[in-house]
C-alpha atoms as a PDB file:
ATOM      1  CA  MET A   1      17.034  61.276 109.554  1.00  0.00           C
ATOM      2  CA  LEU A   2      14.168  63.175 107.349  1.00  0.00           C
ATOM      3  CA  LYS A   3      13.251  59.852 106.312  1.00  0.00           C
ATOM      4  CA  ASP A   4      11.941  58.833 110.120  1.00  0.00           C
ATOM      5  CA  MET A   5       9.893  61.920 110.567  1.00  0.00           C
ATOM      6  CA  ASP A   6       6.383  62.551 110.518  1.00  0.00           C
ATOM      7  CA  PHE A   7       4.539  65.763 109.102  1.00  0.00           C
ATOM      8  CA  GLY A   8       1.389  64.578 110.298  1.00  0.00           C
ATOM      9  CA  VAL A   9      -0.998  65.369 107.337  1.00  0.00           C
ATOM     10  CA  TYR A  10       1.422  66.277 105.187  1.00  0.00           C
ATOM     11  CA  GLY A  11       3.165  62.791 105.173  1.00  0.00           C
ATOM     12  CA  LYS A  12       6.399  61.169 106.254  1.00  0.00           C
ATOM     13  CA  GLY A  13       9.607  61.885 104.939  1.00  0.00           C
ATOM     14  CA  VAL A  14      11.030  64.167 102.682  1.00  0.00           C
ATOM     15  CA  ASP A  15       7.652  64.328 100.766  1.00  0.00           C
ATOM     16  CA  GLY A  16       5.765  65.418 104.297  1.00  0.00           C
ATOM     17  CA  TYR A  17       8.588  67.768 104.945  1.00  0.00           C
ATOM     18  CA  VAL A  18       7.951  69.560 101.114  1.00  0.00           C
ATOM     19  CA  HIS A  19       4.581  69.867 101.575  1.00  0.00           C
ATOM     20  CA  TYR A  20       4.492  71.142 104.900  1.00  0.00           C
ATOM     21  CA  SER A  21       7.220  73.839 103.561  1.00  0.00           C
ATOM     22  CA  LEU A  22       5.893  74.310 100.933  1.00  0.00           C
ATOM     23  CA  ALA A  23       1.763  75.172 102.830  1.00  0.00           C
ATOM     24  CA  MET A  24       3.164  77.230 105.610  1.00  0.00           C
ATOM     25  CA  ASP A  25       5.365  79.259 102.767  1.00  0.00           C
ATOM     26  CA  ARG A  26       1.975  79.813 101.406  1.00  0.00           C
ATOM     27  CA  ILE A  27       0.203  80.446 105.315  1.00  0.00           C
ATOM     28  CA  ARG A  28       2.711  83.141 105.746  1.00  0.00           C
ATOM     29  CA  GLU A  29       2.284  85.164 102.151  1.00  0.00           C
ATOM     30  CA  GLU A  30      -1.307  84.948 102.355  1.00  0.00           C
ATOM     31  CA  GLU A  31      -0.861  86.268 106.232  1.00  0.00           C
ATOM     32  CA  GLU A  32       1.662  88.831 105.471  1.00  0.00           C
ATOM     33  CA  ASN A  33      -0.648  89.867 101.474  1.00  0.00           C
ATOM     34  CA  ARG A  34      -3.970  90.378 103.985  1.00  0.00           C
ATOM     35  CA  LYS A  35      -1.673  92.901 106.568  1.00  0.00           C
ATOM     36  CA  ALA A  36      -0.779  94.847 103.415  1.00  0.00           C
ATOM     37  CA  LEU A  37      -4.415  94.852 102.154  1.00  0.00           C
ATOM     38  CA  MET A  38      -5.536  95.888 106.127  1.00  0.00           C
ATOM     39  CA  ASP A  39      -3.207  98.492 106.182  1.00  0.00           C
ATOM     40  CA  GLU A  40      -4.223  99.853 102.765  1.00  0.00           C
ATOM     41  CA  PHE A  41      -7.501 100.116 103.960  1.00  0.00           C
ATOM     42  CA  ASP A  42      -6.685 101.488 107.758  1.00  0.00           C
ATOM     43  CA  ASN A  43      -4.659 104.495 105.626  1.00  0.00           C
ATOM     44  CA  ASP A  44      -6.688 105.154 102.848  1.00  0.00           C
ATOM     45  CA  GLU A  45      -8.786 108.258 103.227  1.00  0.00           C
ATOM     46  CA  ASP A  46     -12.702 107.533 103.488  1.00  0.00           C
ATOM     47  CA  ASN A  47     -14.266 110.140 100.693  1.00  0.00           C
ATOM     48  CA  SER A  48     -17.341 108.851 100.911  1.00  0.00           C
ATOM     49  CA  ASP A  49     -18.129 109.751 104.042  1.00  0.00           C
ATOM     50  CA  SER A  50     -17.761 113.534 103.452  1.00  0.00           C
ATOM     51  CA  ASP A  51     -19.520 113.342 100.415  1.00  0.00           C
ATOM     52  CA  ASP A  52     -22.549 111.958 101.577  1.00  0.00           C
ATOM     53  CA  LEU A  53     -22.970 114.089 104.986  1.00  0.00           C
ATOM     54  CA  ASP A  54     -25.520 117.292 104.230  1.00  0.00           C
ATOM     55  CA  SER A  55     -24.231 120.744 103.829  1.00  0.00           C
ATOM     56  CA  ASP A  56     -25.232 122.344 107.504  1.00  0.00           C
ATOM     57  CA  ASP A  57     -27.468 124.368 105.643  1.00  0.00           C
ATOM     58  CA  PHE A  58     -30.651 123.409 106.842  1.00  0.00           C
ATOM     59  CA  ALA A  59     -32.382 126.396 104.923  1.00  0.00           C
ATOM     60  CA  SER A  60     -33.607 123.827 102.796  1.00  0.00           C
ATOM     61  CA  ASP A  61     -34.870 120.869 105.275  1.00  0.00           C
ATOM     62  CA  ASP A  62     -38.437 120.916 106.266  1.00  0.00           C
ATOM     63  CA  PHE A  63     -38.824 120.084 109.703  1.00  0.00           C
ATOM     64  CA  GLY A  64     -42.180 121.865 110.705  1.00  0.00           C
ATOM     65  CA  GLY A  65     -44.113 119.888 107.792  1.00  0.00           C
ATOM     66  CA  ASP A  66     -47.082 117.425 108.577  1.00  0.00           C
ATOM     67  CA  ASP A  67     -45.717 114.841 107.053  1.00  0.00           C
ATOM     68  CA  PHE A  68     -45.092 112.750 110.187  1.00  0.00           C
END
């Protein structure tokens, strides 16, 4: 029964089934890793945004200069 089954590019029979099964396991594992990485990225605080912003003190800025 299994020896007659064709798994396309993975081959026929037991060998095809093994290759197909391993490929599907690998795809599932990569998807889980990708999802975990994206969840970690989404939940992680981005401290660089707050560090890059200037303070609300605009006294040091020279908006009236003739540099333009």
